[in-house]
Amino acid sequence: MIIKSLSDKKTLEQTALKIRLNIIREMKSNKGGHIGGSFDLAEVLSVIYNDFLRIDVKKPKSLDRDFMILSKGHAGPALYATLALKGIIPDSQLDNLNNINSLLPGHCDRNKVLGADASTGSLGQGLSIAAGVALGAKIKNSDQRIFCITGDGESAEGQIWEAAQFASHHKLDNLISFLDFNNMQIDGTVEEVMSLGDPVKKYQAFGWNAVEVDGHDVVAIQNGIKKAIENKNNKPTMIVLKTIKGYGAKCITEMKNNHCIGLSDELLEKIMNELNQQAKILEMEVH
């Protein structure tokens, strides 16, 4: 399968920062939200949407498109931020997150959000949906790629592992999934709540290609996806992203619980100061 020329590191990092800035814009309109698990997806979304997801922004519902299913649906603001950057949804929608009459609910809703390929948030379901779509693509001999992002907390759900077994059995090498492994969930660390053990070895035991990469290294993510596309062994791929919850703003990562937080004026100022400093380093203008 031909892979188009890939974006350079600076472009991908700039896009990741723009995603975080859009997330803050959304959170500001709702005075808070699921910021930790949204911020830590900025790099992987930047790489997927810049380099690998084949979609016509003028025809985002085309059945021939690639699919991107965000299983950890509470990180919907990160997806919406990306969709706005790509021109799939109007930029103005970001100013009305999860409010009455909002088209952007707190969790992904495919009936409301153009570009959201599944309604998620009831944890553990997205990988099953992605596997089903991938099988459908195989049946119709399509070269579509199906991307999915799961969370480490939802990986305690049995449905995740049923989907993993299903994808392996049906040789769904068109399925590329990511595990956002930040080791934090609302009740504590993953180790405290329900240990995953070694997720790479676990997915390999289920018959997947599996690899661990730095979830904030855009080049490592690029290489992981490229290898997954080039694999010819009839296996789905799981890329385990070692991430830091809230990455991008130290004032968030240092919080004991940053799963879902209120956004005071003081905290907003601290976050924006950090993002503005990053923008200067990346030679970006922040409006």
C-alpha atoms as a PDB file:
ATOM      1  CA  MET A   1       0.000   0.000   0.000  1.00  0.00           C
ATOM      2  CA  ILE A   2       1.430   3.360  -1.044  1.00  0.00           C
ATOM      3  CA  ILE A   3       2.084   5.844   1.766  1.00  0.00           C
ATOM      4  CA  LYS A   4       2.171   9.500   0.813  1.00  0.00           C
ATOM      5  CA  SER A   5       5.045  11.709   1.874  1.00  0.00           C
ATOM      6  CA  LEU A   6       4.922  12.338   5.600  1.00  0.00           C
ATOM      7  CA  SER A   7       4.851  15.624   7.481  1.00  0.00           C
ATOM      8  CA  ASP A   8       7.987  16.928   9.151  1.00  0.00           C
ATOM      9  CA  LYS A   9       8.343  16.897  12.926  1.00  0.00           C
ATOM     10  CA  LYS A  10       7.805  20.634  13.365  1.00  0.00           C
ATOM     11  CA  THR A  11       4.539  20.611  11.408  1.00  0.00           C
ATOM     12  CA  LEU A  12       3.198  17.734  13.486  1.00  0.00           C
ATOM     13  CA  GLU A  13       4.213  19.389  16.762  1.00  0.00           C
ATOM     14  CA  GLN A  14       2.605  22.645  15.666  1.00  0.00           C
ATOM     15  CA  THR A  15      -0.618  20.792  14.889  1.00  0.00           C
ATOM     16  CA  ALA A  16      -0.511  19.082  18.293  1.00  0.00           C
ATOM     17  CA  LEU A  17      -0.200  22.473  19.962  1.00  0.00           C
ATOM     18  CA  LYS A  18      -3.099  23.829  17.902  1.00  0.00           C
ATOM     19  CA  ILE A  19      -5.174  20.861  19.041  1.00  0.00           C
ATOM     20  CA  ARG A  20      -4.407  21.690  22.683  1.00  0.00           C
ATOM     21  CA  LEU A  21      -5.259  25.343  22.126  1.00  0.00           C
ATOM     22  CA  ASN A  22      -8.585  24.296  20.624  1.00  0.00           C
ATOM     23  CA  ILE A  23      -9.234  21.976  23.566  1.00  0.00           C
ATOM     24  CA  ILE A  24      -8.736  24.873  25.962  1.00  0.00           C
ATOM     25  CA  ARG A  25     -11.088  26.972  23.866  1.00  0.00           C
ATOM     26  CA  GLU A  26     -13.729  24.262  24.242  1.00  0.00           C
ATOM     27  CA  MET A  27     -13.104  23.824  27.959  1.00  0.00           C
ATOM     28  CA  LYS A  28     -13.302  27.571  28.487  1.00  0.00           C
ATOM     29  CA  SER A  29     -16.803  27.603  27.004  1.00  0.00           C
ATOM     30  CA  ASN A  30     -17.879  24.872  29.434  1.00  0.00           C
ATOM     31  CA  LYS A  31     -15.700  25.996  32.360  1.00  0.00           C
ATOM     32  CA  GLY A  32     -13.931  22.639  32.471  1.00  0.00           C
ATOM     33  CA  GLY A  33     -14.087  19.053  31.297  1.00  0.00           C
ATOM     34  CA  HIS A  34     -12.005  15.952  30.594  1.00  0.00           C
ATOM     35  CA  ILE A  35      -8.793  17.836  30.003  1.00  0.00           C
ATOM     36  CA  GLY A  36      -6.171  15.277  31.097  1.00  0.00           C
ATOM     37  CA  GLY A  37      -7.092  12.496  28.699  1.00  0.00           C
ATOM     38  CA  SER A  38      -7.812  14.975  25.908  1.00  0.00           C
ATOM     39  CA  PHE A  39      -4.475  16.778  26.112  1.00  0.00           C
ATOM     40  CA  ASP A  40      -2.448  13.572  25.963  1.00  0.00           C
ATOM     41  CA  LEU A  41      -3.941  12.589  22.587  1.00  0.00           C
ATOM     42  CA  ALA A  42      -2.749  15.686  20.716  1.00  0.00           C
ATOM     43  CA  GLU A  43       0.315  14.069  19.160  1.00  0.00           C
ATOM     44  CA  VAL A  44      -1.348  10.890  17.943  1.00  0.00           C
ATOM     45  CA  LEU A  45      -4.281  12.822  16.471  1.00  0.00           C
ATOM     46  CA  SER A  46      -1.876  15.191  14.755  1.00  0.00           C
ATOM     47  CA  VAL A  47      -0.082  12.280  13.085  1.00  0.00           C
ATOM     48  CA  ILE A  48      -3.233  10.356  12.141  1.00  0.00           C
ATOM     49  CA  TYR A  49      -5.057  13.311  10.596  1.00  0.00           C
ATOM     50  CA  ASN A  50      -2.044  14.955   8.958  1.00  0.00           C
ATOM     51  CA  ASP A  51      -0.460  11.874   7.444  1.00  0.00           C
ATOM     52  CA  PHE A  52      -2.561   8.728   7.382  1.00  0.00           C
ATOM     53  CA  LEU A  53      -6.344   9.196   7.572  1.00  0.00           C
ATOM     54  CA  ARG A  54      -7.689   9.344   4.022  1.00  0.00           C
ATOM     55  CA  ILE A  55     -10.811  11.458   4.123  1.00  0.00           C
ATOM     56  CA  ASP A  56     -12.289  14.093   1.823  1.00  0.00           C
ATOM     57  CA  VAL A  57     -13.239  16.996   4.092  1.00  0.00           C
ATOM     58  CA  LYS A  58     -15.921  17.931   1.546  1.00  0.00           C
ATOM     59  CA  LYS A  59     -17.386  14.412   1.747  1.00  0.00           C
ATOM     60  CA  PRO A  60     -16.663  13.303   5.324  1.00  0.00           C
ATOM     61  CA  LYS A  61     -19.504  10.756   5.248  1.00  0.00           C
ATOM     62  CA  SER A  62     -18.233   8.927   2.168  1.00  0.00           C
ATOM     63  CA  LEU A  63     -18.395   5.193   2.796  1.00  0.00           C
ATOM     64  CA  ASP A  64     -15.037   4.804   1.057  1.00  0.00           C
ATOM     65  CA  ARG A  65     -13.200   6.917   3.636  1.00  0.00           C
ATOM     66  CA  ASP A  66     -10.879   5.693   6.330  1.00  0.00           C
ATOM     67  CA  PHE A  67     -12.492   5.518   9.782  1.00  0.00           C
ATOM     68  CA  MET A  68     -11.174   6.849  13.098  1.00  0.00           C
ATOM     69  CA  ILE A  69     -13.026   5.605  16.158  1.00  0.00           C
ATOM     70  CA  LEU A  70     -12.293   7.222  19.503  1.00  0.00           C
ATOM     71  CA  SER A  71     -13.213   4.488  21.956  1.00  0.00           C
ATOM     72  CA  LYS A  72     -12.276   6.585  25.003  1.00  0.00           C
ATOM     73  CA  GLY A  73     -15.157   8.892  24.185  1.00  0.00           C
ATOM     74  CA  HIS A  74     -14.669  11.240  27.130  1.00  0.00           C
ATOM     75  CA  ALA A  75     -11.703  12.639  25.181  1.00  0.00           C
ATOM     76  CA  GLY A  76     -14.139  13.882  22.559  1.00  0.00           C
ATOM     77  CA  PRO A  77     -12.858  17.471  22.929  1.00  0.00           C
ATOM     78  CA  ALA A  78      -9.515  16.351  21.467  1.00  0.00           C
ATOM     79  CA  LEU A  79     -11.259  14.851  18.451  1.00  0.00           C
ATOM     80  CA  TYR A  80     -13.462  17.928  17.971  1.00  0.00           C
ATOM     81  CA  ALA A  81     -10.401  20.170  18.190  1.00  0.00           C
ATOM     82  CA  THR A  82      -8.794  18.148  15.401  1.00  0.00           C
ATOM     83  CA  LEU A  83     -11.913  18.045  13.236  1.00  0.00           C
ATOM     84  CA  ALA A  84     -12.152  21.838  13.424  1.00  0.00           C
ATOM     85  CA  LEU A  85      -8.510  22.237  12.394  1.00  0.00           C
ATOM     86  CA  LYS A  86      -9.133  20.010   9.386  1.00  0.00           C
ATOM     87  CA  GLY A  87     -12.238  21.949   8.361  1.00  0.00           C
ATOM     88  CA  ILE A  88     -14.605  19.036   8.910  1.00  0.00           C
ATOM     89  CA  ILE A  89     -16.668  20.910  11.509  1.00  0.00           C
ATOM     90  CA  PRO A  90     -17.057  24.699  11.784  1.00  0.00           C
ATOM     91  CA  ASP A  91     -14.488  26.346  14.015  1.00  0.00           C
ATOM     92  CA  SER A  92     -17.282  28.271  15.757  1.00  0.00           C
ATOM     93  CA  GLN A  93     -18.689  25.059  17.253  1.00  0.00           C
ATOM     94  CA  LEU A  94     -15.720  24.902  19.620  1.00  0.00           C
ATOM     95  CA  ASP A  95     -17.219  27.761  21.622  1.00  0.00           C
ATOM     96  CA  ASN A  96     -20.203  25.681  22.704  1.00  0.00           C
ATOM     97  CA  LEU A  97     -18.993  22.421  24.239  1.00  0.00           C
ATOM     98  CA  ASN A  98     -21.473  20.223  26.097  1.00  0.00           C
ATOM     99  CA  ASN A  99     -24.015  22.983  26.654  1.00  0.00           C
ATOM    100  CA  ILE A 100     -27.744  23.044  25.949  1.00  0.00           C
ATOM    101  CA  ASN A 101     -28.293  22.857  22.171  1.00  0.00           C
ATOM    102  CA  SER A 102     -24.578  22.202  21.637  1.00  0.00           C
ATOM    103  CA  LEU A 103     -23.562  20.061  18.670  1.00  0.00           C
ATOM    104  CA  LEU A 104     -20.457  18.978  20.597  1.00  0.00           C
ATOM    105  CA  PRO A 105     -21.429  16.768  23.553  1.00  0.00           C
ATOM    106  CA  GLY A 106     -18.918  15.848  26.227  1.00  0.00           C
ATOM    107  CA  HIS A 107     -18.643  12.330  24.786  1.00  0.00           C
ATOM    108  CA  CYS A 108     -18.515  11.495  21.076  1.00  0.00           C
ATOM    109  CA  ASP A 109     -21.916  11.260  19.373  1.00  0.00           C
ATOM    110  CA  ARG A 110     -21.925  10.263  15.702  1.00  0.00           C
ATOM    111  CA  ASN A 111     -25.470  11.608  15.307  1.00  0.00           C
ATOM    112  CA  LYS A 112     -24.379  15.117  16.265  1.00  0.00           C
ATOM    113  CA  VAL A 113     -20.716  15.449  15.335  1.00  0.00           C
ATOM    114  CA  LEU A 114     -19.671  15.308  11.699  1.00  0.00           C
ATOM    115  CA  GLY A 115     -16.466  13.284  11.634  1.00  0.00           C
ATOM    116  CA  ALA A 116     -17.157  11.280  14.785  1.00  0.00           C
ATOM    117  CA  ASP A 117     -17.353   7.745  13.421  1.00  0.00           C
ATOM    118  CA  ALA A 118     -18.903   6.179  16.529  1.00  0.00           C
ATOM    119  CA  SER A 119     -20.878   7.171  19.605  1.00  0.00           C
ATOM    120  CA  THR A 120     -18.580   6.285  22.480  1.00  0.00           C
ATOM    121  CA  GLY A 121     -18.101   6.958  26.152  1.00  0.00           C
ATOM    122  CA  SER A 122     -19.657   3.767  27.422  1.00  0.00           C
ATOM    123  CA  LEU A 123     -16.193   2.381  27.872  1.00  0.00           C
ATOM    124  CA  GLY A 124     -14.899  -0.733  26.169  1.00  0.00           C
ATOM    125  CA  GLN A 125     -17.076  -0.627  23.057  1.00  0.00           C
ATOM    126  CA  GLY A 126     -14.997   1.240  20.484  1.00  0.00           C
ATOM    127  CA  LEU A 127     -12.585  -1.543  19.588  1.00  0.00           C
ATOM    128  CA  SER A 128     -15.528  -3.834  18.804  1.00  0.00           C
ATOM    129  CA  ILE A 129     -16.986  -1.189  16.508  1.00  0.00           C
ATOM    130  CA  ALA A 130     -13.629  -0.675  14.809  1.00  0.00           C
ATOM    131  CA  ALA A 131     -13.179  -4.412  14.313  1.00  0.00           C
ATOM    132  CA  GLY A 132     -16.633  -4.686  12.767  1.00  0.00           C
ATOM    133  CA  VAL A 133     -15.944  -1.834  10.351  1.00  0.00           C
ATOM    134  CA  ALA A 134     -12.578  -3.375   9.480  1.00  0.00           C
ATOM    135  CA  LEU A 135     -14.220  -6.720   8.733  1.00  0.00           C
ATOM    136  CA  GLY A 136     -16.784  -4.969   6.542  1.00  0.00           C
ATOM    137  CA  ALA A 137     -13.986  -3.332   4.573  1.00  0.00           C
ATOM    138  CA  LYS A 138     -12.335  -6.726   4.114  1.00  0.00           C
ATOM    139  CA  ILE A 139     -15.568  -8.304   2.883  1.00  0.00           C
ATOM    140  CA  LYS A 140     -15.976  -5.648   0.181  1.00  0.00           C
ATOM    141  CA  ASN A 141     -12.272  -5.846  -0.769  1.00  0.00           C
ATOM    142  CA  SER A 142     -11.676  -2.233   0.185  1.00  0.00           C
ATOM    143  CA  ASP A 143      -8.240  -0.867   1.054  1.00  0.00           C
ATOM    144  CA  GLN A 144      -9.727   1.281   3.828  1.00  0.00           C
ATOM    145  CA  ARG A 145      -7.770   1.708   7.037  1.00  0.00           C
ATOM    146  CA  ILE A 146      -9.594   1.654  10.343  1.00  0.00           C
ATOM    147  CA  PHE A 147      -8.007   3.535  13.238  1.00  0.00           C
ATOM    148  CA  CYS A 148      -9.099   3.243  16.856  1.00  0.00           C
ATOM    149  CA  ILE A 149      -7.933   4.850  20.098  1.00  0.00           C
ATOM    150  CA  THR A 150      -8.617   3.021  23.351  1.00  0.00           C
ATOM    151  CA  GLY A 151      -7.854   3.956  26.939  1.00  0.00           C
ATOM    152  CA  ASP A 152      -5.985   2.009  29.597  1.00  0.00           C
ATOM    153  CA  GLY A 153      -8.876   2.280  32.045  1.00  0.00           C
ATOM    154  CA  GLU A 154     -11.418   0.862  29.607  1.00  0.00           C
ATOM    155  CA  SER A 155      -9.022  -1.984  28.870  1.00  0.00           C
ATOM    156  CA  ALA A 156     -10.275  -3.616  32.066  1.00  0.00           C
ATOM    157  CA  GLU A 157     -13.523  -4.278  30.175  1.00  0.00           C
ATOM    158  CA  GLY A 158     -13.914  -7.802  28.851  1.00  0.00           C
ATOM    159  CA  GLN A 159     -15.363  -6.512  25.595  1.00  0.00           C
ATOM    160  CA  ILE A 160     -11.960  -5.073  24.666  1.00  0.00           C
ATOM    161  CA  TRP A 161     -10.417  -8.540  24.769  1.00  0.00           C
ATOM    162  CA  GLU A 162     -13.311 -10.151  22.918  1.00  0.00           C
ATOM    163  CA  ALA A 163     -12.714  -7.589  20.167  1.00  0.00           C
ATOM    164  CA  ALA A 164      -8.984  -8.295  20.242  1.00  0.00           C
ATOM    165  CA  GLN A 165      -9.640 -12.003  19.740  1.00  0.00           C
ATOM    166  CA  PHE A 166     -12.174 -11.289  16.977  1.00  0.00           C
ATOM    167  CA  ALA A 167      -9.768  -9.003  15.084  1.00  0.00           C
ATOM    168  CA  SER A 168      -6.991 -11.562  15.225  1.00  0.00           C
ATOM    169  CA  HIS A 169      -9.256 -14.422  14.156  1.00  0.00           C
ATOM    170  CA  HIS A 170     -10.462 -12.482  11.104  1.00  0.00           C
ATOM    171  CA  LYS A 171      -6.937 -11.342  10.162  1.00  0.00           C
ATOM    172  CA  LEU A 172      -7.863  -7.658  10.240  1.00  0.00           C
ATOM    173  CA  ASP A 173      -4.550  -6.188   9.155  1.00  0.00           C
ATOM    174  CA  ASN A 174      -6.451  -3.049   8.091  1.00  0.00           C
ATOM    175  CA  LEU A 175      -7.106  -2.271  11.773  1.00  0.00           C
ATOM    176  CA  ILE A 176      -4.576  -0.024  13.513  1.00  0.00           C
ATOM    177  CA  SER A 177      -5.410   0.677  17.132  1.00  0.00           C
ATOM    178  CA  PHE A 178      -3.729   2.718  19.839  1.00  0.00           C
ATOM    179  CA  LEU A 179      -3.747   2.245  23.588  1.00  0.00           C
ATOM    180  CA  ASP A 180      -3.420   5.532  25.468  1.00  0.00           C
ATOM    181  CA  PHE A 181      -1.413   4.169  28.374  1.00  0.00           C
ATOM    182  CA  ASN A 182      -1.078   7.109  30.776  1.00  0.00           C
ATOM    183  CA  ASN A 183      -1.571   4.813  33.803  1.00  0.00           C
ATOM    184  CA  MET A 184      -4.136   7.168  35.344  1.00  0.00           C
ATOM    185  CA  GLN A 185      -7.891   6.894  35.584  1.00  0.00           C
ATOM    186  CA  ILE A 186     -10.571   8.574  37.639  1.00  0.00           C
ATOM    187  CA  ASP A 187     -10.192   6.190  40.617  1.00  0.00           C
ATOM    188  CA  GLY A 188      -6.400   6.078  40.707  1.00  0.00           C
ATOM    189  CA  THR A 189      -3.593   4.456  38.773  1.00  0.00           C
ATOM    190  CA  VAL A 190      -4.245   1.543  36.455  1.00  0.00           C
ATOM    191  CA  GLU A 191      -1.997  -0.580  38.655  1.00  0.00           C
ATOM    192  CA  GLU A 192      -4.193   0.194  41.673  1.00  0.00           C
ATOM    193  CA  VAL A 193      -7.557  -0.260  39.974  1.00  0.00           C
ATOM    194  CA  MET A 194      -6.936  -3.141  37.551  1.00  0.00           C
ATOM    195  CA  SER A 195      -3.439  -3.887  36.319  1.00  0.00           C
ATOM    196  CA  LEU A 196      -2.995  -4.533  32.605  1.00  0.00           C
ATOM    197  CA  GLY A 197       0.314  -6.259  33.081  1.00  0.00           C
ATOM    198  CA  ASP A 198       2.380  -5.853  29.922  1.00  0.00           C
ATOM    199  CA  PRO A 199      -0.104  -4.726  27.236  1.00  0.00           C
ATOM    200  CA  VAL A 200       2.368  -5.317  24.395  1.00  0.00           C
ATOM    201  CA  LYS A 201       2.861  -8.961  25.365  1.00  0.00           C
ATOM    202  CA  LYS A 202      -0.853  -9.323  26.035  1.00  0.00           C
ATOM    203  CA  TYR A 203      -1.859  -8.136  22.561  1.00  0.00           C
ATOM    204  CA  GLN A 204       0.875 -10.236  20.996  1.00  0.00           C
ATOM    205  CA  ALA A 205      -0.577 -13.242  22.806  1.00  0.00           C
ATOM    206  CA  PHE A 206      -3.926 -12.389  21.208  1.00  0.00           C
ATOM    207  CA  GLY A 207      -2.294 -12.572  17.776  1.00  0.00           C
ATOM    208  CA  TRP A 208      -1.657  -8.882  17.135  1.00  0.00           C
ATOM    209  CA  ASN A 209       1.384  -6.963  16.033  1.00  0.00           C
ATOM    210  CA  ALA A 210       2.098  -4.837  19.095  1.00  0.00           C
ATOM    211  CA  VAL A 211       4.705  -2.231  19.884  1.00  0.00           C
ATOM    212  CA  GLU A 212       5.221   0.454  22.518  1.00  0.00           C
ATOM    213  CA  VAL A 213       6.218   4.009  21.563  1.00  0.00           C
ATOM    214  CA  ASP A 214       6.512   7.374  23.273  1.00  0.00           C
ATOM    215  CA  GLY A 215       3.020   8.795  22.837  1.00  0.00           C
ATOM    216  CA  HIS A 216       4.358  12.341  22.662  1.00  0.00           C
ATOM    217  CA  ASP A 217       7.033  11.644  20.040  1.00  0.00           C
ATOM    218  CA  VAL A 218       5.397  12.401  16.696  1.00  0.00           C
ATOM    219  CA  VAL A 219       8.155  10.715  14.690  1.00  0.00           C
ATOM    220  CA  ALA A 220       7.898   7.511  16.738  1.00  0.00           C
ATOM    221  CA  ILE A 221       4.125   7.479  16.193  1.00  0.00           C
ATOM    222  CA  GLN A 222       4.636   8.085  12.476  1.00  0.00           C
ATOM    223  CA  ASN A 223       7.037   5.171  12.232  1.00  0.00           C
ATOM    224  CA  GLY A 224       4.721   2.902  14.201  1.00  0.00           C
ATOM    225  CA  ILE A 225       1.789   3.574  11.870  1.00  0.00           C
ATOM    226  CA  LYS A 226       3.948   3.293   8.754  1.00  0.00           C
ATOM    227  CA  LYS A 227       5.195  -0.112   9.866  1.00  0.00           C
ATOM    228  CA  ALA A 228       1.637  -1.229  10.647  1.00  0.00           C
ATOM    229  CA  ILE A 229       0.512  -0.311   7.133  1.00  0.00           C
ATOM    230  CA  GLU A 230       3.486  -2.070   5.565  1.00  0.00           C
ATOM    231  CA  ASN A 231       3.046  -5.287   7.580  1.00  0.00           C
ATOM    232  CA  LYS A 232       2.002  -8.231   5.419  1.00  0.00           C
ATOM    233  CA  ASN A 233       1.371 -10.822   8.135  1.00  0.00           C
ATOM    234  CA  ASN A 234      -2.452 -10.583   8.265  1.00  0.00           C
ATOM    235  CA  LYS A 235      -2.442  -9.270  11.836  1.00  0.00           C
ATOM    236  CA  PRO A 236      -4.096  -6.175  13.342  1.00  0.00           C
ATOM    237  CA  THR A 237      -1.727  -3.748  15.041  1.00  0.00           C
ATOM    238  CA  MET A 238      -1.826  -2.253  18.534  1.00  0.00           C
ATOM    239  CA  ILE A 239       0.471   0.702  19.178  1.00  0.00           C
ATOM    240  CA  VAL A 240       0.802   1.232  22.924  1.00  0.00           C
ATOM    241  CA  LEU A 241       1.323   4.940  23.536  1.00  0.00           C
ATOM    242  CA  LYS A 242       3.239   5.698  26.718  1.00  0.00           C
ATOM    243  CA  THR A 243       1.689   9.037  27.582  1.00  0.00           C
ATOM    244  CA  ILE A 244       1.480  11.519  30.431  1.00  0.00           C
ATOM    245  CA  LYS A 245      -2.055  12.505  31.328  1.00  0.00           C
ATOM    246  CA  GLY A 246      -2.473  16.222  30.712  1.00  0.00           C
ATOM    247  CA  TYR A 247       0.769  16.431  28.724  1.00  0.00           C
ATOM    248  CA  GLY A 248       1.357  19.887  27.305  1.00  0.00           C
ATOM    249  CA  ALA A 249       0.765  21.838  30.499  1.00  0.00           C
ATOM    250  CA  LYS A 250       2.847  21.099  33.579  1.00  0.00           C
ATOM    251  CA  CYS A 251       0.237  22.698  35.822  1.00  0.00           C
ATOM    252  CA  ILE A 252      -2.173  19.961  34.708  1.00  0.00           C
ATOM    253  CA  THR A 253       0.198  16.991  34.830  1.00  0.00           C
ATOM    254  CA  GLU A 254       1.175  17.912  38.395  1.00  0.00           C
ATOM    255  CA  MET A 255      -2.435  17.609  39.598  1.00  0.00           C
ATOM    256  CA  LYS A 256      -3.191  14.462  41.553  1.00  0.00           C
ATOM    257  CA  ASN A 257      -6.464  14.041  39.654  1.00  0.00           C
ATOM    258  CA  ASN A 258      -6.711  15.750  36.279  1.00  0.00           C
ATOM    259  CA  HIS A 259      -9.264  13.395  34.749  1.00  0.00           C
ATOM    260  CA  CYS A 260     -12.092  15.936  34.741  1.00  0.00           C
ATOM    261  CA  ILE A 261     -11.503  19.356  36.251  1.00  0.00           C
ATOM    262  CA  GLY A 262     -13.034  22.791  36.553  1.00  0.00           C
ATOM    263  CA  LEU A 263     -11.229  25.556  34.711  1.00  0.00           C
ATOM    264  CA  SER A 264     -10.830  28.656  36.876  1.00  0.00           C
ATOM    265  CA  ASP A 265      -9.538  31.929  35.456  1.00  0.00           C
ATOM    266  CA  GLU A 266      -6.297  31.409  37.368  1.00  0.00           C
ATOM    267  CA  LEU A 267      -5.748  27.899  36.005  1.00  0.00           C
ATOM    268  CA  LEU A 268      -6.682  29.018  32.507  1.00  0.00           C
ATOM    269  CA  GLU A 269      -4.049  31.740  32.665  1.00  0.00           C
ATOM    270  CA  LYS A 270      -1.389  29.258  33.800  1.00  0.00           C
ATOM    271  CA  ILE A 271      -2.229  26.834  31.001  1.00  0.00           C
ATOM    272  CA  MET A 272      -2.238  29.553  28.355  1.00  0.00           C
ATOM    273  CA  ASN A 273       1.109  30.873  29.566  1.00  0.00           C
ATOM    274  CA  GLU A 274       2.624  27.423  29.072  1.00  0.00           C
ATOM    275  CA  LEU A 275       1.052  26.932  25.652  1.00  0.00           C
ATOM    276  CA  ASN A 276       2.149  30.400  24.556  1.00  0.00           C
ATOM    277  CA  GLN A 277       5.733  29.589  25.523  1.00  0.00           C
ATOM    278  CA  GLN A 278       5.564  26.432  23.421  1.00  0.00           C
ATOM    279  CA  ALA A 279       4.164  28.451  20.524  1.00  0.00           C
ATOM    280  CA  LYS A 280       7.184  30.747  20.640  1.00  0.00           C
ATOM    281  CA  ILE A 281       9.538  27.770  20.516  1.00  0.00           C
ATOM    282  CA  LEU A 282       7.625  26.360  17.530  1.00  0.00           C
ATOM    283  CA  GLU A 283       7.510  29.812  15.893  1.00  0.00           C
ATOM    284  CA  MET A 284       3.725  29.988  15.930  1.00  0.00           C
ATOM    285  CA  GLU A 285       1.383  32.903  16.377  1.00  0.00           C
ATOM    286  CA  VAL A 286      -1.401  32.369  18.907  1.00  0.00           C
ATOM    287  CA  HIS A 287      -4.571  34.359  18.325  1.00  0.00           C
END
